Amino acid sequence: GFLEANESPEEAIKREVMEEIGLDCEVMSLVGIYPFFRMNELIIAFHVKAMGEVRLSEEIVEVKKIPKDKIIPWPY
């Protein structure tokens, strides 16, 4: 998602998580800031602790839980 006017990145991630999968979340830490050259954008990645039951929005078709030790990071 994108930042709204006068919104911090932390506020944006909490709003986006709620809008897209219906979960409240707490920002735990910043993972990193990565350039996305194809779109002339920056990706700001956060570790969040999410609470509630997943509710998909029209933007999300499905979710998949992946154990932390099986996550393959995006090569940068």
Protein backbone atom coordinates (compact mmCIF):
# COMPACT_ATOMS: atom_id res chain seq x y z
CA GLY A 1 0.00 0.00 0.00
CA PHE A 2 0.87 3.64 -0.06
CA LEU A 3 1.09 6.35 2.58
CA GLU A 4 -1.92 8.63 2.99
CA ALA A 5 -1.46 12.36 3.58
CA ASN A 6 0.16 13.05 6.98
CA GLU A 7 0.42 9.30 7.76
CA SER A 8 3.58 7.74 9.20
CA PRO A 9 4.87 4.44 7.73
CA GLU A 10 3.90 2.72 11.01
CA GLU A 11 0.34 4.06 10.78
CA ALA A 12 0.18 3.02 7.13
CA ILE A 13 1.16 -0.60 7.78
CA LYS A 14 -1.44 -0.91 10.53
CA ARG A 15 -4.13 0.53 8.23
CA GLU A 16 -3.07 -1.65 5.29
CA VAL A 17 -3.07 -4.86 7.36
CA MET A 18 -6.60 -4.03 8.57
CA GLU A 19 -7.87 -3.09 5.11
CA GLU A 20 -6.37 -6.07 3.30
CA ILE A 21 -6.71 -8.96 5.76
CA GLY A 22 -8.86 -7.60 8.59
CA LEU A 23 -6.29 -7.92 11.37
CA ASP A 24 -5.25 -5.49 14.07
CA CYS A 25 -1.49 -5.36 14.42
CA GLU A 26 1.32 -3.99 16.51
CA VAL A 27 4.49 -2.82 14.78
CA MET A 28 7.38 -4.72 16.34
CA SER A 29 10.34 -3.46 14.30
CA LEU A 30 11.53 -2.14 10.98
CA VAL A 31 12.83 -4.96 8.77
CA GLY A 32 14.37 -2.71 6.13
CA ILE A 33 13.92 -0.16 3.38
CA TYR A 34 14.44 -1.47 -0.14
CA PRO A 35 14.46 0.27 -3.53
CA PHE A 36 11.99 -1.07 -6.09
CA PHE A 37 13.65 0.31 -9.19
CA ARG A 38 11.08 -0.96 -11.73
CA MET A 39 8.38 1.23 -10.18
CA ASN A 40 10.62 4.04 -8.87
CA GLU A 41 9.38 3.29 -5.33
CA LEU A 42 10.72 2.33 -1.92
CA ILE A 43 9.48 -0.72 -0.03
CA ILE A 44 9.39 -0.18 3.74
CA ALA A 45 9.09 -3.59 5.42
CA PHE A 46 7.98 -4.05 9.02
CA HIS A 47 7.75 -7.02 11.37
CA VAL A 48 4.25 -6.87 12.86
CA LYS A 49 2.39 -8.93 15.45
CA ALA A 50 -1.13 -9.48 14.08
CA MET A 51 -4.22 -10.34 16.11
CA GLY A 52 -7.66 -11.54 15.06
CA GLU A 53 -9.11 -13.72 12.34
CA VAL A 54 -8.06 -13.24 8.70
CA ARG A 55 -10.79 -11.70 6.54
CA LEU A 56 -9.84 -11.38 2.89
CA SER A 57 -10.55 -8.18 0.97
CA GLU A 58 -11.24 -7.86 -2.75
CA GLU A 59 -7.49 -7.30 -3.22
CA ILE A 60 -6.40 -10.58 -1.58
CA VAL A 61 -7.38 -13.94 -3.08
CA GLU A 62 -5.80 -16.19 -0.45
CA VAL A 63 -3.31 -16.30 2.40
CA LYS A 64 -0.76 -18.95 3.23
CA LYS A 65 0.96 -19.47 6.59
CA ILE A 66 4.67 -20.20 6.23
CA PRO A 67 6.85 -21.22 9.19
CA LYS A 68 9.51 -18.61 9.95
CA ASP A 69 12.35 -21.06 9.20
CA LYS A 70 10.90 -21.72 5.71
CA ILE A 71 10.68 -18.09 4.60
CA ILE A 72 12.87 -17.28 1.61
CA PRO A 73 13.76 -13.58 1.59
CA TRP A 74 13.44 -11.48 -1.53
CA PRO A 75 16.93 -11.36 -3.06
CA TYR A 76 18.20 -7.81 -2.98
